[in-house]
Amino acid sequence: MASQVQIKVGGVAIGGGAPVAIQSMTLTPTRDVEATTAQIAALASAGCEVVRCAV
């Protein structure tokens, strides 16, 4: 069954017939702010629309 509900994460629509959004998750320790922000920037440059960080 397809999702009928659409939500927005920032400006990215997810579900409800929206196009598939490219997503990823950081692999760096979040306490290493410099490495984490560098990884987020690299993912965004590669076309990632949503980046998740575990805290």
PDB file of N, CA and C in Angstrom:
ATOM      1  N   MET A   1       0.843  -1.175   0.000  1.00  0.00           N
ATOM      2  CA  MET A   1       0.000   0.000   0.000  1.00  0.00           C
ATOM      3  C   MET A   1       0.892   1.244   0.000  1.00  0.00           C
ATOM      4  N   ALA A   2       0.644   2.149  -0.906  1.00  0.00           N
ATOM      5  CA  ALA A   2       1.420   3.377  -1.011  1.00  0.00           C
ATOM      6  C   ALA A   2       0.979   4.373   0.059  1.00  0.00           C
ATOM      7  N   SER A   3       1.949   5.165   0.518  1.00  0.00           N
ATOM      8  CA  SER A   3       1.640   6.198   1.501  1.00  0.00           C
ATOM      9  C   SER A   3       0.800   7.298   0.864  1.00  0.00           C
ATOM     10  N   GLN A   4      -0.231   7.720   1.535  1.00  0.00           N
ATOM     11  CA  GLN A   4      -1.107   8.779   1.046  1.00  0.00           C
ATOM     12  C   GLN A   4      -0.746  10.127   1.671  1.00  0.00           C
ATOM     13  N   VAL A   5       0.067  10.095   2.727  1.00  0.00           N
ATOM     14  CA  VAL A   5       0.386  11.307   3.464  1.00  0.00           C
ATOM     15  C   VAL A   5       1.721  11.861   2.988  1.00  0.00           C
ATOM     16  N   GLN A   6       1.749  13.151   2.724  1.00  0.00           N
ATOM     17  CA  GLN A   6       2.993  13.801   2.333  1.00  0.00           C
ATOM     18  C   GLN A   6       3.425  14.730   3.459  1.00  0.00           C
ATOM     19  N   ILE A   7       4.705  14.644   3.822  1.00  0.00           N
ATOM     20  CA  ILE A   7       5.272  15.549   4.820  1.00  0.00           C
ATOM     21  C   ILE A   7       6.432  16.293   4.182  1.00  0.00           C
ATOM     22  N   LYS A   8       6.877  17.338   4.844  1.00  0.00           N
ATOM     23  CA  LYS A   8       8.050  18.071   4.370  1.00  0.00           C
ATOM     24  C   LYS A   8       9.130  18.030   5.438  1.00  0.00           C
ATOM     25  N   VAL A   9      10.337  17.716   5.007  1.00  0.00           N
ATOM     26  CA  VAL A   9      11.519  17.777   5.856  1.00  0.00           C
ATOM     27  C   VAL A   9      12.330  18.935   5.296  1.00  0.00           C
ATOM     28  N   GLY A  10      12.325  20.054   6.000  1.00  0.00           N
ATOM     29  CA  GLY A  10      12.877  21.268   5.406  1.00  0.00           C
ATOM     30  C   GLY A  10      12.005  21.610   4.217  1.00  0.00           C
ATOM     31  N   GLY A  11      12.583  21.717   3.047  1.00  0.00           N
ATOM     32  CA  GLY A  11      11.810  21.977   1.844  1.00  0.00           C
ATOM     33  C   GLY A  11      11.608  20.755   0.980  1.00  0.00           C
ATOM     34  N   VAL A  12      11.937  19.560   1.498  1.00  0.00           N
ATOM     35  CA  VAL A  12      11.875  18.326   0.715  1.00  0.00           C
ATOM     36  C   VAL A  12      10.594  17.565   1.044  1.00  0.00           C
ATOM     37  N   ALA A  13       9.766  17.332   0.025  1.00  0.00           N
ATOM     38  CA  ALA A  13       8.528  16.569   0.206  1.00  0.00           C
ATOM     39  C   ALA A  13       8.850  15.078   0.224  1.00  0.00           C
ATOM     40  N   ILE A  14       8.218  14.356   1.167  1.00  0.00           N
ATOM     41  CA  ILE A  14       8.416  12.908   1.298  1.00  0.00           C
ATOM     42  C   ILE A  14       7.044  12.253   1.406  1.00  0.00           C
ATOM     43  N   GLY A  15       6.851  11.168   0.636  1.00  0.00           N
ATOM     44  CA  GLY A  15       5.596  10.422   0.674  1.00  0.00           C
ATOM     45  C   GLY A  15       4.515  11.092  -0.152  1.00  0.00           C
ATOM     46  N   GLY A  16       3.343  10.479  -0.178  1.00  0.00           N
ATOM     47  CA  GLY A  16       2.191  11.047  -0.852  1.00  0.00           C
ATOM     48  C   GLY A  16       2.394  11.331  -2.322  1.00  0.00           C
ATOM     49  N   GLY A  17       3.159  10.495  -3.011  1.00  0.00           N
ATOM     50  CA  GLY A  17       3.368  10.673  -4.443  1.00  0.00           C
ATOM     51  C   GLY A  17       4.532  11.580  -4.804  1.00  0.00           C
ATOM     52  N   ALA A  18       5.250  12.100  -3.811  1.00  0.00           N
ATOM     53  CA  ALA A  18       6.416  12.951  -4.088  1.00  0.00           C
ATOM     54  C   ALA A  18       7.527  12.106  -4.714  1.00  0.00           C
ATOM     55  N   PRO A  19       8.387  12.710  -5.529  1.00  0.00           N
ATOM     56  CA  PRO A  19       9.522  11.964  -6.074  1.00  0.00           C
ATOM     57  C   PRO A  19      10.412  11.452  -4.937  1.00  0.00           C
ATOM     58  N   VAL A  20      11.127  10.368  -5.188  1.00  0.00           N
ATOM     59  CA  VAL A  20      12.022   9.801  -4.180  1.00  0.00           C
ATOM     60  C   VAL A  20      13.113  10.818  -3.853  1.00  0.00           C
ATOM     61  N   ALA A  21      13.328  11.066  -2.559  1.00  0.00           N
ATOM     62  CA  ALA A  21      14.375  11.987  -2.112  1.00  0.00           C
ATOM     63  C   ALA A  21      15.621  11.182  -1.756  1.00  0.00           C
ATOM     64  N   ILE A  22      16.773  11.639  -2.222  1.00  0.00           N
ATOM     65  CA  ILE A  22      18.038  10.981  -1.887  1.00  0.00           C
ATOM     66  C   ILE A  22      18.377  11.338  -0.443  1.00  0.00           C
ATOM     67  N   GLN A  23      18.602  10.297   0.384  1.00  0.00           N
ATOM     68  CA  GLN A  23      18.874  10.484   1.806  1.00  0.00           C
ATOM     69  C   GLN A  23      20.116   9.713   2.208  1.00  0.00           C
ATOM     70  N   SER A  24      20.758  10.179   3.270  1.00  0.00           N
ATOM     71  CA  SER A  24      21.886   9.455   3.842  1.00  0.00           C
ATOM     72  C   SER A  24      21.974   9.796   5.323  1.00  0.00           C
ATOM     73  N   MET A  25      22.907   9.163   5.998  1.00  0.00           N
ATOM     74  CA  MET A  25      23.134   9.414   7.416  1.00  0.00           C
ATOM     75  C   MET A  25      24.627   9.576   7.642  1.00  0.00           C
ATOM     76  N   THR A  26      25.004  10.512   8.507  1.00  0.00           N
ATOM     77  CA  THR A  26      26.427  10.701   8.785  1.00  0.00           C
ATOM     78  C   THR A  26      26.974   9.497   9.541  1.00  0.00           C
ATOM     79  N   LEU A  27      28.256   9.252   9.341  1.00  0.00           N
ATOM     80  CA  LEU A  27      28.932   8.133  10.003  1.00  0.00           C
ATOM     81  C   LEU A  27      29.921   8.614  11.054  1.00  0.00           C
ATOM     82  N   THR A  28      30.098   9.922  11.164  1.00  0.00           N
ATOM     83  CA  THR A  28      31.073  10.480  12.098  1.00  0.00           C
ATOM     84  C   THR A  28      30.446  10.648  13.482  1.00  0.00           C
ATOM     85  N   PRO A  29      31.277  10.640  14.531  1.00  0.00           N
ATOM     86  CA  PRO A  29      30.739  10.948  15.862  1.00  0.00           C
ATOM     87  C   PRO A  29      30.228  12.397  15.870  1.00  0.00           C
ATOM     88  N   THR A  30      29.026  12.638  16.351  1.00  0.00           N
ATOM     89  CA  THR A  30      28.473  13.994  16.303  1.00  0.00           C
ATOM     90  C   THR A  30      29.250  14.968  17.178  1.00  0.00           C
ATOM     91  N   ARG A  31      29.998  14.477  18.142  1.00  0.00           N
ATOM     92  CA  ARG A  31      30.818  15.378  18.964  1.00  0.00           C
ATOM     93  C   ARG A  31      31.971  15.961  18.150  1.00  0.00           C
ATOM     94  N   ASP A  32      32.304  15.308  17.023  1.00  0.00           N
ATOM     95  CA  ASP A  32      33.321  15.834  16.106  1.00  0.00           C
ATOM     96  C   ASP A  32      32.605  16.716  15.083  1.00  0.00           C
ATOM     97  N   VAL A  33      32.311  17.937  15.505  1.00  0.00           N
ATOM     98  CA  VAL A  33      31.494  18.850  14.704  1.00  0.00           C
ATOM     99  C   VAL A  33      32.139  19.133  13.353  1.00  0.00           C
ATOM    100  N   GLU A  34      33.439  19.340  13.335  1.00  0.00           N
ATOM    101  CA  GLU A  34      34.132  19.655  12.079  1.00  0.00           C
ATOM    102  C   GLU A  34      33.981  18.526  11.058  1.00  0.00           C
ATOM    103  N   ALA A  35      34.213  17.287  11.490  1.00  0.00           N
ATOM    104  CA  ALA A  35      34.102  16.140  10.580  1.00  0.00           C
ATOM    105  C   ALA A  35      32.649  15.918  10.147  1.00  0.00           C
ATOM    106  N   THR A  36      31.721  16.106  11.071  1.00  0.00           N
ATOM    107  CA  THR A  36      30.308  15.896  10.752  1.00  0.00           C
ATOM    108  C   THR A  36      29.814  16.928   9.746  1.00  0.00           C
ATOM    109  N   THR A  37      30.156  18.203   9.950  1.00  0.00           N
ATOM    110  CA  THR A  37      29.720  19.224   8.995  1.00  0.00           C
ATOM    111  C   THR A  37      30.401  19.044   7.643  1.00  0.00           C
ATOM    112  N   ALA A  38      31.651  18.577   7.636  1.00  0.00           N
ATOM    113  CA  ALA A  38      32.334  18.300   6.366  1.00  0.00           C
ATOM    114  C   ALA A  38      31.635  17.162   5.632  1.00  0.00           C
ATOM    115  N   GLN A  39      31.219  16.140   6.364  1.00  0.00           N
ATOM    116  CA  GLN A  39      30.522  15.023   5.736  1.00  0.00           C
ATOM    117  C   GLN A  39      29.153  15.460   5.206  1.00  0.00           C
ATOM    118  N   ILE A  40      28.452  16.303   5.934  1.00  0.00           N
ATOM    119  CA  ILE A  40      27.163  16.823   5.466  1.00  0.00           C
ATOM    120  C   ILE A  40      27.355  17.616   4.181  1.00  0.00           C
ATOM    121  N   ALA A  41      28.386  18.461   4.139  1.00  0.00           N
ATOM    122  CA  ALA A  41      28.661  19.255   2.931  1.00  0.00           C
ATOM    123  C   ALA A  41      28.984  18.350   1.747  1.00  0.00           C
ATOM    124  N   ALA A  42      29.763  17.291   1.980  1.00  0.00           N
ATOM    125  CA  ALA A  42      30.112  16.357   0.903  1.00  0.00           C
ATOM    126  C   ALA A  42      28.871  15.621   0.397  1.00  0.00           C
ATOM    127  N   LEU A  43      28.005  15.205   1.303  1.00  0.00           N
ATOM    128  CA  LEU A  43      26.771  14.525   0.903  1.00  0.00           C
ATOM    129  C   LEU A  43      25.874  15.462   0.097  1.00  0.00           C
ATOM    130  N   ALA A  44      25.759  16.713   0.535  1.00  0.00           N
ATOM    131  CA  ALA A  44      24.947  17.693  -0.195  1.00  0.00           C
ATOM    132  C   ALA A  44      25.521  17.933  -1.584  1.00  0.00           C
ATOM    133  N   SER A  45      26.832  18.022  -1.695  1.00  0.00           N
ATOM    134  CA  SER A  45      27.475  18.216  -3.003  1.00  0.00           C
ATOM    135  C   SER A  45      27.231  17.040  -3.934  1.00  0.00           C
ATOM    136  N   ALA A  46      27.071  15.844  -3.350  1.00  0.00           N
ATOM    137  CA  ALA A  46      26.827  14.639  -4.142  1.00  0.00           C
ATOM    138  C   ALA A  46      25.354  14.491  -4.525  1.00  0.00           C
ATOM    139  N   GLY A  47      24.498  15.432  -4.070  1.00  0.00           N
ATOM    140  CA  GLY A  47      23.091  15.390  -4.449  1.00  0.00           C
ATOM    141  C   GLY A  47      22.143  14.916  -3.367  1.00  0.00           C
ATOM    142  N   CYS A  48      22.657  14.678  -2.177  1.00  0.00           N
ATOM    143  CA  CYS A  48      21.810  14.229  -1.073  1.00  0.00           C
ATOM    144  C   CYS A  48      20.879  15.366  -0.653  1.00  0.00           C
ATOM    145  N   GLU A  49      19.584  15.057  -0.512  1.00  0.00           N
ATOM    146  CA  GLU A  49      18.595  16.072  -0.159  1.00  0.00           C
ATOM    147  C   GLU A  49      18.259  16.088   1.329  1.00  0.00           C
ATOM    148  N   VAL A  50      18.415  14.947   2.000  1.00  0.00           N
ATOM    149  CA  VAL A  50      18.138  14.839   3.430  1.00  0.00           C
ATOM    150  C   VAL A  50      19.313  14.110   4.068  1.00  0.00           C
ATOM    151  N   VAL A  51      19.898  14.713   5.110  1.00  0.00           N
ATOM    152  CA  VAL A  51      20.994  14.075   5.849  1.00  0.00           C
ATOM    153  C   VAL A  51      20.542  13.916   7.290  1.00  0.00           C
ATOM    154  N   ARG A  52      20.668  12.696   7.804  1.00  0.00           N
ATOM    155  CA  ARG A  52      20.286  12.406   9.184  1.00  0.00           C
ATOM    156  C   ARG A  52      21.545  12.276  10.030  1.00  0.00           C
ATOM    157  N   CYS A  53      21.480  12.756  11.268  1.00  0.00           N
ATOM    158  CA  CYS A  53      22.587  12.649  12.225  1.00  0.00           C
ATOM    159  C   CYS A  53      22.045  12.027  13.504  1.00  0.00           C
ATOM    160  N   ALA A  54      22.719  11.002  14.001  1.00  0.00           N
ATOM    161  CA  ALA A  54      22.326  10.405  15.280  1.00  0.00           C
ATOM    162  C   ALA A  54      23.014  11.175  16.399  1.00  0.00           C
ATOM    163  N   VAL A  55      22.288  11.403  17.468  1.00  0.00           N
ATOM    164  CA  VAL A  55      22.858  12.135  18.602  1.00  0.00           C
ATOM    165  C   VAL A  55      22.841  11.258  19.827  1.00  0.00           C
TER     166      VAL A  55
END
